[in-house]
Amino acid sequence: MTERIIQILERLTDHKGIGRDTDLLEEDLLDSLAFIELINELETEFRVEIQPTQVSSDTWKTAQGIAELVKTLRETT
């Protein structure tokens, strides 16, 4: 799942070489438009519903954190 999320992030940000622990916010890779597109992609790809305001901002810092969120959401639905 993390690898697929990395692929999505690389496509949305047009930045290659994103790793599991790349800080997307510190590296300024995830702007507001890419963030909204990412949520849409995750919801479609993994069939989850994400309420960004209910998720800690730290979750969005890395592909690994995003994968953990998606995994948790999939387990609770």
PDB file of N, CA and C in Angstrom:
ATOM      1  N   MET A   1       0.808  -1.187   0.000  1.00  0.00           N
ATOM      2  CA  MET A   1       0.000   0.000   0.000  1.00  0.00           C
ATOM      3  C   MET A   1       0.862   1.267   0.000  1.00  0.00           C
ATOM      4  N   THR A   2       1.926   1.267   0.787  1.00  0.00           N
ATOM      5  CA  THR A   2       2.785   2.448   0.845  1.00  0.00           C
ATOM      6  C   THR A   2       3.401   2.753  -0.516  1.00  0.00           C
ATOM      7  N   GLU A   3       3.800   1.701  -1.231  1.00  0.00           N
ATOM      8  CA  GLU A   3       4.400   1.912  -2.558  1.00  0.00           C
ATOM      9  C   GLU A   3       3.397   2.546  -3.516  1.00  0.00           C
ATOM     10  N   ARG A   4       2.143   2.133  -3.431  1.00  0.00           N
ATOM     11  CA  ARG A   4       1.108   2.708  -4.293  1.00  0.00           C
ATOM     12  C   ARG A   4       0.873   4.173  -3.919  1.00  0.00           C
ATOM     13  N   ILE A   5       0.889   4.469  -2.644  1.00  0.00           N
ATOM     14  CA  ILE A   5       0.726   5.855  -2.192  1.00  0.00           C
ATOM     15  C   ILE A   5       1.892   6.709  -2.674  1.00  0.00           C
ATOM     16  N   ILE A   6       3.096   6.155  -2.636  1.00  0.00           N
ATOM     17  CA  ILE A   6       4.258   6.883  -3.152  1.00  0.00           C
ATOM     18  C   ILE A   6       4.079   7.173  -4.640  1.00  0.00           C
ATOM     19  N   GLN A   7       3.598   6.211  -5.394  1.00  0.00           N
ATOM     20  CA  GLN A   7       3.346   6.429  -6.829  1.00  0.00           C
ATOM     21  C   GLN A   7       2.345   7.564  -7.042  1.00  0.00           C
ATOM     22  N   ILE A   8       1.295   7.564  -6.258  1.00  0.00           N
ATOM     23  CA  ILE A   8       0.289   8.629  -6.359  1.00  0.00           C
ATOM     24  C   ILE A   8       0.914   9.978  -6.023  1.00  0.00           C
ATOM     25  N   LEU A   9       1.680  10.026  -4.936  1.00  0.00           N
ATOM     26  CA  LEU A   9       2.331  11.271  -4.533  1.00  0.00           C
ATOM     27  C   LEU A   9       3.291  11.782  -5.605  1.00  0.00           C
ATOM     28  N   GLU A  10       4.080  10.874  -6.183  1.00  0.00           N
ATOM     29  CA  GLU A  10       5.032  11.290  -7.219  1.00  0.00           C
ATOM     30  C   GLU A  10       4.311  11.841  -8.445  1.00  0.00           C
ATOM     31  N   ARG A  11       3.194  11.245  -8.783  1.00  0.00           N
ATOM     32  CA  ARG A  11       2.429  11.738  -9.933  1.00  0.00           C
ATOM     33  C   ARG A  11       1.806  13.093  -9.631  1.00  0.00           C
ATOM     34  N   LEU A  12       1.221  13.243  -8.455  1.00  0.00           N
ATOM     35  CA  LEU A  12       0.548  14.496  -8.099  1.00  0.00           C
ATOM     36  C   LEU A  12       1.522  15.654  -7.907  1.00  0.00           C
ATOM     37  N   THR A  13       2.696  15.352  -7.369  1.00  0.00           N
ATOM     38  CA  THR A  13       3.661  16.413  -7.072  1.00  0.00           C
ATOM     39  C   THR A  13       4.678  16.613  -8.189  1.00  0.00           C
ATOM     40  N   ASP A  14       4.685  15.688  -9.153  1.00  0.00           N
ATOM     41  CA  ASP A  14       5.664  15.703 -10.238  1.00  0.00           C
ATOM     42  C   ASP A  14       7.091  15.691  -9.676  1.00  0.00           C
ATOM     43  N   HIS A  15       7.262  14.929  -8.594  1.00  0.00           N
ATOM     44  CA  HIS A  15       8.560  14.815  -7.936  1.00  0.00           C
ATOM     45  C   HIS A  15       8.901  13.334  -7.779  1.00  0.00           C
ATOM     46  N   LYS A  16       9.997  12.917  -8.343  1.00  0.00           N
ATOM     47  CA  LYS A  16      10.426  11.523  -8.256  1.00  0.00           C
ATOM     48  C   LYS A  16      11.349  11.336  -7.059  1.00  0.00           C
ATOM     49  N   GLY A  17      11.391  10.129  -6.550  1.00  0.00           N
ATOM     50  CA  GLY A  17      12.293   9.820  -5.459  1.00  0.00           C
ATOM     51  C   GLY A  17      11.711  10.023  -4.074  1.00  0.00           C
ATOM     52  N   ILE A  18      10.387  10.091  -3.974  1.00  0.00           N
ATOM     53  CA  ILE A  18       9.760  10.200  -2.662  1.00  0.00           C
ATOM     54  C   ILE A  18       9.908   8.850  -1.960  1.00  0.00           C
ATOM     55  N   GLY A  19      10.379   8.890  -0.731  1.00  0.00           N
ATOM     56  CA  GLY A  19      10.522   7.667   0.056  1.00  0.00           C
ATOM     57  C   GLY A  19       9.431   7.561   1.106  1.00  0.00           C
ATOM     58  N   ARG A  20       9.438   6.442   1.807  1.00  0.00           N
ATOM     59  CA  ARG A  20       8.437   6.208   2.855  1.00  0.00           C
ATOM     60  C   ARG A  20       8.445   7.306   3.915  1.00  0.00           C
ATOM     61  N   ASP A  21       9.623   7.828   4.231  1.00  0.00           N
ATOM     62  CA  ASP A  21       9.760   8.787   5.318  1.00  0.00           C
ATOM     63  C   ASP A  21      10.118  10.193   4.852  1.00  0.00           C
ATOM     64  N   THR A  22      10.002  10.457   3.551  1.00  0.00           N
ATOM     65  CA  THR A  22      10.239  11.809   3.050  1.00  0.00           C
ATOM     66  C   THR A  22       9.220  12.743   3.691  1.00  0.00           C
ATOM     67  N   ASP A  23       9.682  13.841   4.272  1.00  0.00           N
ATOM     68  CA  ASP A  23       8.776  14.801   4.899  1.00  0.00           C
ATOM     69  C   ASP A  23       8.163  15.664   3.797  1.00  0.00           C
ATOM     70  N   LEU A  24       6.937  15.343   3.449  1.00  0.00           N
ATOM     71  CA  LEU A  24       6.257  16.004   2.328  1.00  0.00           C
ATOM     72  C   LEU A  24       6.005  17.478   2.606  1.00  0.00           C
ATOM     73  N   LEU A  25       5.795  17.821   3.859  1.00  0.00           N
ATOM     74  CA  LEU A  25       5.517  19.209   4.212  1.00  0.00           C
ATOM     75  C   LEU A  25       6.804  20.023   4.287  1.00  0.00           C
ATOM     76  N   GLU A  26       7.830  19.466   4.916  1.00  0.00           N
ATOM     77  CA  GLU A  26       9.107  20.165   5.032  1.00  0.00           C
ATOM     78  C   GLU A  26       9.749  20.373   3.658  1.00  0.00           C
ATOM     79  N   GLU A  27       9.594  19.369   2.795  1.00  0.00           N
ATOM     80  CA  GLU A  27      10.149  19.455   1.438  1.00  0.00           C
ATOM     81  C   GLU A  27       9.259  20.299   0.520  1.00  0.00           C
ATOM     82  N   ASP A  28       8.136  20.774   1.067  1.00  0.00           N
ATOM     83  CA  ASP A  28       7.187  21.617   0.327  1.00  0.00           C
ATOM     84  C   ASP A  28       6.664  20.917  -0.933  1.00  0.00           C
ATOM     85  N   LEU A  29       6.396  19.616  -0.812  1.00  0.00           N
ATOM     86  CA  LEU A  29       5.908  18.830  -1.944  1.00  0.00           C
ATOM     87  C   LEU A  29       4.390  18.765  -1.993  1.00  0.00           C
ATOM     88  N   LEU A  30       3.743  18.929  -0.853  1.00  0.00           N
ATOM     89  CA  LEU A  30       2.307  18.737  -0.776  1.00  0.00           C
ATOM     90  C   LEU A  30       1.628  20.078  -0.509  1.00  0.00           C
ATOM     91  N   ASP A  31       1.300  20.805  -1.606  1.00  0.00           N
ATOM     92  CA  ASP A  31       0.590  22.066  -1.436  1.00  0.00           C
ATOM     93  C   ASP A  31      -0.906  21.791  -1.299  1.00  0.00           C
ATOM     94  N   SER A  32      -1.702  22.825  -1.138  1.00  0.00           N
ATOM     95  CA  SER A  32      -3.126  22.634  -0.865  1.00  0.00           C
ATOM     96  C   SER A  32      -3.855  21.932  -2.007  1.00  0.00           C
ATOM     97  N   LEU A  33      -3.526  22.242  -3.241  1.00  0.00           N
ATOM     98  CA  LEU A  33      -4.175  21.591  -4.378  1.00  0.00           C
ATOM     99  C   LEU A  33      -3.793  20.110  -4.439  1.00  0.00           C
ATOM    100  N   ALA A  34      -2.521  19.809  -4.280  1.00  0.00           N
ATOM    101  CA  ALA A  34      -2.070  18.413  -4.291  1.00  0.00           C
ATOM    102  C   ALA A  34      -2.682  17.648  -3.118  1.00  0.00           C
ATOM    103  N   PHE A  35      -2.870  18.318  -1.997  1.00  0.00           N
ATOM    104  CA  PHE A  35      -3.469  17.692  -0.828  1.00  0.00           C
ATOM    105  C   PHE A  35      -4.908  17.249  -1.128  1.00  0.00           C
ATOM    106  N   ILE A  36      -5.690  18.127  -1.730  1.00  0.00           N
ATOM    107  CA  ILE A  36      -7.078  17.796  -2.091  1.00  0.00           C
ATOM    108  C   ILE A  36      -7.097  16.675  -3.126  1.00  0.00           C
ATOM    109  N   GLU A  37      -6.228  16.747  -4.108  1.00  0.00           N
ATOM    110  CA  GLU A  37      -6.158  15.693  -5.119  1.00  0.00           C
ATOM    111  C   GLU A  37      -5.742  14.363  -4.489  1.00  0.00           C
ATOM    112  N   LEU A  38      -4.822  14.421  -3.526  1.00  0.00           N
ATOM    113  CA  LEU A  38      -4.382  13.213  -2.840  1.00  0.00           C
ATOM    114  C   LEU A  38      -5.550  12.558  -2.098  1.00  0.00           C
ATOM    115  N   ILE A  39      -6.314  13.350  -1.381  1.00  0.00           N
ATOM    116  CA  ILE A  39      -7.463  12.803  -0.662  1.00  0.00           C
ATOM    117  C   ILE A  39      -8.427  12.132  -1.626  1.00  0.00           C
ATOM    118  N   ASN A  40      -8.714  12.790  -2.740  1.00  0.00           N
ATOM    119  CA  ASN A  40      -9.618  12.204  -3.740  1.00  0.00           C
ATOM    120  C   ASN A  40      -9.071  10.883  -4.274  1.00  0.00           C
ATOM    121  N   GLU A  41      -7.792  10.855  -4.575  1.00  0.00           N
ATOM    122  CA  GLU A  41      -7.159   9.632  -5.095  1.00  0.00           C
ATOM    123  C   GLU A  41      -7.204   8.501  -4.071  1.00  0.00           C
ATOM    124  N   LEU A  42      -6.903   8.829  -2.819  1.00  0.00           N
ATOM    125  CA  LEU A  42      -6.902   7.816  -1.767  1.00  0.00           C
ATOM    126  C   LEU A  42      -8.308   7.249  -1.557  1.00  0.00           C
ATOM    127  N   GLU A  43      -9.291   8.129  -1.554  1.00  0.00           N
ATOM    128  CA  GLU A  43     -10.668   7.674  -1.361  1.00  0.00           C
ATOM    129  C   GLU A  43     -11.102   6.750  -2.492  1.00  0.00           C
ATOM    130  N   THR A  44     -10.728   7.088  -3.707  1.00  0.00           N
ATOM    131  CA  THR A  44     -11.097   6.270  -4.859  1.00  0.00           C
ATOM    132  C   THR A  44     -10.320   4.963  -4.888  1.00  0.00           C
ATOM    133  N   GLU A  45      -9.013   5.048  -4.747  1.00  0.00           N
ATOM    134  CA  GLU A  45      -8.132   3.878  -4.846  1.00  0.00           C
ATOM    135  C   GLU A  45      -8.385   2.849  -3.743  1.00  0.00           C
ATOM    136  N   PHE A  46      -8.551   3.350  -2.520  1.00  0.00           N
ATOM    137  CA  PHE A  46      -8.629   2.441  -1.377  1.00  0.00           C
ATOM    138  C   PHE A  46     -10.035   2.336  -0.773  1.00  0.00           C
ATOM    139  N   ARG A  47     -10.988   2.999  -1.410  1.00  0.00           N
ATOM    140  CA  ARG A  47     -12.395   2.945  -0.978  1.00  0.00           C
ATOM    141  C   ARG A  47     -12.558   3.296   0.502  1.00  0.00           C
ATOM    142  N   VAL A  48     -12.039   4.453   0.860  1.00  0.00           N
ATOM    143  CA  VAL A  48     -12.173   4.965   2.223  1.00  0.00           C
ATOM    144  C   VAL A  48     -12.752   6.377   2.146  1.00  0.00           C
ATOM    145  N   GLU A  49     -13.241   6.855   3.267  1.00  0.00           N
ATOM    146  CA  GLU A  49     -13.693   8.237   3.352  1.00  0.00           C
ATOM    147  C   GLU A  49     -12.801   8.955   4.351  1.00  0.00           C
ATOM    148  N   ILE A  50     -12.205  10.052   3.890  1.00  0.00           N
ATOM    149  CA  ILE A  50     -11.248  10.777   4.723  1.00  0.00           C
ATOM    150  C   ILE A  50     -11.815  12.156   5.055  1.00  0.00           C
ATOM    151  N   GLN A  51     -11.867  12.447   6.337  1.00  0.00           N
ATOM    152  CA  GLN A  51     -12.233  13.768   6.825  1.00  0.00           C
ATOM    153  C   GLN A  51     -10.943  14.443   7.293  1.00  0.00           C
ATOM    154  N   PRO A  52     -10.335  15.285   6.455  1.00  0.00           N
ATOM    155  CA  PRO A  52      -9.010  15.834   6.777  1.00  0.00           C
ATOM    156  C   PRO A  52      -8.962  16.575   8.111  1.00  0.00           C
ATOM    157  N   THR A  53     -10.062  17.193   8.503  1.00  0.00           N
ATOM    158  CA  THR A  53     -10.063  17.946   9.752  1.00  0.00           C
ATOM    159  C   THR A  53     -10.026  17.034  10.971  1.00  0.00           C
ATOM    160  N   GLN A  54     -10.311  15.759  10.796  1.00  0.00           N
ATOM    161  CA  GLN A  54     -10.304  14.807  11.901  1.00  0.00           C
ATOM    162  C   GLN A  54      -8.989  14.026  11.980  1.00  0.00           C
ATOM    163  N   VAL A  55      -8.047  14.391  11.137  1.00  0.00           N
ATOM    164  CA  VAL A  55      -6.781  13.676  11.066  1.00  0.00           C
ATOM    165  C   VAL A  55      -5.655  14.627  11.471  1.00  0.00           C
ATOM    166  N   SER A  56      -4.760  14.152  12.311  1.00  0.00           N
ATOM    167  CA  SER A  56      -3.620  14.960  12.745  1.00  0.00           C
ATOM    168  C   SER A  56      -2.783  15.395  11.545  1.00  0.00           C
ATOM    169  N   SER A  57      -2.289  16.614  11.580  1.00  0.00           N
ATOM    170  CA  SER A  57      -1.467  17.113  10.473  1.00  0.00           C
ATOM    171  C   SER A  57      -0.191  16.297  10.303  1.00  0.00           C
ATOM    172  N   ASP A  58       0.298  15.695  11.385  1.00  0.00           N
ATOM    173  CA  ASP A  58       1.496  14.854  11.295  1.00  0.00           C
ATOM    174  C   ASP A  58       1.281  13.639  10.399  1.00  0.00           C
ATOM    175  N   THR A  59       0.052  13.194  10.296  1.00  0.00           N
ATOM    176  CA  THR A  59      -0.275  12.033   9.461  1.00  0.00           C
ATOM    177  C   THR A  59       0.114  12.270   8.015  1.00  0.00           C
ATOM    178  N   TRP A  60      -0.012  13.505   7.565  1.00  0.00           N
ATOM    179  CA  TRP A  60       0.216  13.849   6.155  1.00  0.00           C
ATOM    180  C   TRP A  60       1.669  14.143   5.846  1.00  0.00           C
ATOM    181  N   LYS A  61       2.562  14.032   6.826  1.00  0.00           N
ATOM    182  CA  LYS A  61       3.963  14.370   6.610  1.00  0.00           C
ATOM    183  C   LYS A  61       4.704  13.367   5.743  1.00  0.00           C
ATOM    184  N   THR A  62       4.326  12.081   5.841  1.00  0.00           N
ATOM    185  CA  THR A  62       5.067  11.044   5.115  1.00  0.00           C
ATOM    186  C   THR A  62       4.118  10.057   4.437  1.00  0.00           C
ATOM    187  N   ALA A  63       4.626   9.387   3.438  1.00  0.00           N
ATOM    188  CA  ALA A  63       3.853   8.339   2.771  1.00  0.00           C
ATOM    189  C   ALA A  63       3.509   7.231   3.758  1.00  0.00           C
ATOM    190  N   GLN A  64       4.423   6.924   4.667  1.00  0.00           N
ATOM    191  CA  GLN A  64       4.172   5.896   5.673  1.00  0.00           C
ATOM    192  C   GLN A  64       3.019   6.297   6.581  1.00  0.00           C
ATOM    193  N   GLY A  65       2.985   7.546   7.009  1.00  0.00           N
ATOM    194  CA  GLY A  65       1.894   8.035   7.856  1.00  0.00           C
ATOM    195  C   GLY A  65       0.555   7.981   7.136  1.00  0.00           C
ATOM    196  N   ILE A  66       0.560   8.323   5.863  1.00  0.00           N
ATOM    197  CA  ILE A  66      -0.661   8.269   5.060  1.00  0.00           C
ATOM    198  C   ILE A  66      -1.122   6.822   4.915  1.00  0.00           C
ATOM    199  N   ALA A  67      -0.186   5.919   4.689  1.00  0.00           N
ATOM    200  CA  ALA A  67      -0.524   4.493   4.554  1.00  0.00           C
ATOM    201  C   ALA A  67      -1.136   3.959   5.845  1.00  0.00           C
ATOM    202  N   GLU A  68      -0.605   4.371   6.975  1.00  0.00           N
ATOM    203  CA  GLU A  68      -1.154   3.930   8.257  1.00  0.00           C
ATOM    204  C   GLU A  68      -2.576   4.446   8.444  1.00  0.00           C
ATOM    205  N   LEU A  69      -2.830   5.690   8.031  1.00  0.00           N
ATOM    206  CA  LEU A  69      -4.192   6.235   8.093  1.00  0.00           C
ATOM    207  C   LEU A  69      -5.140   5.419   7.235  1.00  0.00           C
ATOM    208  N   VAL A  70      -4.754   5.164   5.994  1.00  0.00           N
ATOM    209  CA  VAL A  70      -5.617   4.399   5.083  1.00  0.00           C
ATOM    210  C   VAL A  70      -5.869   3.008   5.641  1.00  0.00           C
ATOM    211  N   LYS A  71      -4.842   2.375   6.156  1.00  0.00           N
ATOM    212  CA  LYS A  71      -5.005   1.046   6.733  1.00  0.00           C
ATOM    213  C   LYS A  71      -6.007   1.065   7.877  1.00  0.00           C
ATOM    214  N   THR A  72      -5.887   2.035   8.751  1.00  0.00           N
ATOM    215  CA  THR A  72      -6.811   2.162   9.879  1.00  0.00           C
ATOM    216  C   THR A  72      -8.237   2.396   9.392  1.00  0.00           C
ATOM    217  N   LEU A  73      -8.404   3.251   8.403  1.00  0.00           N
ATOM    218  CA  LEU A  73      -9.739   3.536   7.878  1.00  0.00           C
ATOM    219  C   LEU A  73     -10.349   2.296   7.221  1.00  0.00           C
ATOM    220  N   ARG A  74      -9.535   1.542   6.539  1.00  0.00           N
ATOM    221  CA  ARG A  74     -10.041   0.319   5.882  1.00  0.00           C
ATOM    222  C   ARG A  74     -10.462  -0.726   6.923  1.00  0.00           C
ATOM    223  N   GLU A  75      -9.775  -0.756   8.029  1.00  0.00           N
ATOM    224  CA  GLU A  75     -10.100  -1.731   9.074  1.00  0.00           C
ATOM    225  C   GLU A  75     -11.365  -1.358   9.837  1.00  0.00           C
ATOM    226  N   THR A  76     -11.713  -0.080   9.858  1.00  0.00           N
ATOM    227  CA  THR A  76     -12.864   0.365  10.632  1.00  0.00           C
ATOM    228  C   THR A  76     -14.136   0.477   9.797  1.00  0.00           C
ATOM    229  N   THR A  77     -14.035   0.217   8.499  1.00  0.00           N
ATOM    230  CA  THR A  77     -15.239   0.299   7.666  1.00  0.00           C
ATOM    231  C   THR A  77     -15.720  -1.063   7.247  1.00  0.00           C
TER     232      THR A  77
END
